[in-house]
Amino acid sequence: MIQVRGLTVKFDTLTVLDNVDLAIQRGEVLGILGPGGAGKSVLIKLVCALLRPTSGTVFIAGEDVHALNSQALARVRTQIGMLFQNYALFDFMTVFQNVAFPLQQSGQFSETEMRTRVLARLEQVGLLHAQALYPNELSGGMKKRVSLARATITEAPILLYDDPTAGLDPVTSSKIFDLVRALHRPNETTTVVISHDVDRLRGVCDRFALLYHGTVLFQGTLKEAMESDHPIVHTFFTGEGDGESL
């Protein structure tokens, strides 16, 4: 479904990603882990062509997204739902309007269809009561749930979550991951979740990739990660070791 090939990103003299290869299969949930500054958020923005690489490319369903013209890229992006780390909500729109925005942009839904779908999704994320509120009236956890509802409202076949629990307390984080799990449609949705929280991802992801200093140190299942003899991989997934390698 998604093939990342030889991605390198440099900002002046800083190499953020260094020849990254990654395969994401249709219908799976892939967790991308790594310490801060490993290049996780940059990678996910490259997947939907919000950034351009220094070299390498990304293929989605066989199409090189960095070689597409603006019209073709817009078409591909309709197949992607994204939750941004900083919410990216429109301050001048209510919760209802924010969630409805992707449906309006698609031009494929009547007002009645949009209202029905938005209200159903708001109920699913526990925010039906907040539909008339504005982002500045919401807590951080509520903003994340609005972002999650908006990212999934079109039922796009690809979902990208950029650190969906950043800055949230443990209880709220658990609820967010429960929603990520509930909104994934096996065999239909390809989901990528960026996080540093190994424990939360255990119950959500089919496979994992570990980014470290801009390179992929590991791709595979949790069992394979736990059995890895690579010291950094072993320490990151098990919590065992002195941590000096991290």
Foldseek 3Di string as FASTA:
>chain_A
DKWWAQFWADDVPATQAGGETDDFDFQFEEEEAEDPSLNPVVVLCQQLPVDPTPDTFMADPRDTLVPDDPVVSVVVCLLEFEQDPVLPFDQVAFLLCRLLVSVVVVVPDDPVRSVVLSCVLCVVLVRNVRRGHGPVVDDPLVSLSSSVSSSCSSVRQEYEYEASQPPHDPVSVLSSLVVVQVSRDGSRHGYYYYHNDLVSCLVRGQWYWYGYNNYTPDIGGLVCQCPDPPVVSVCSSPVDDPPPVD
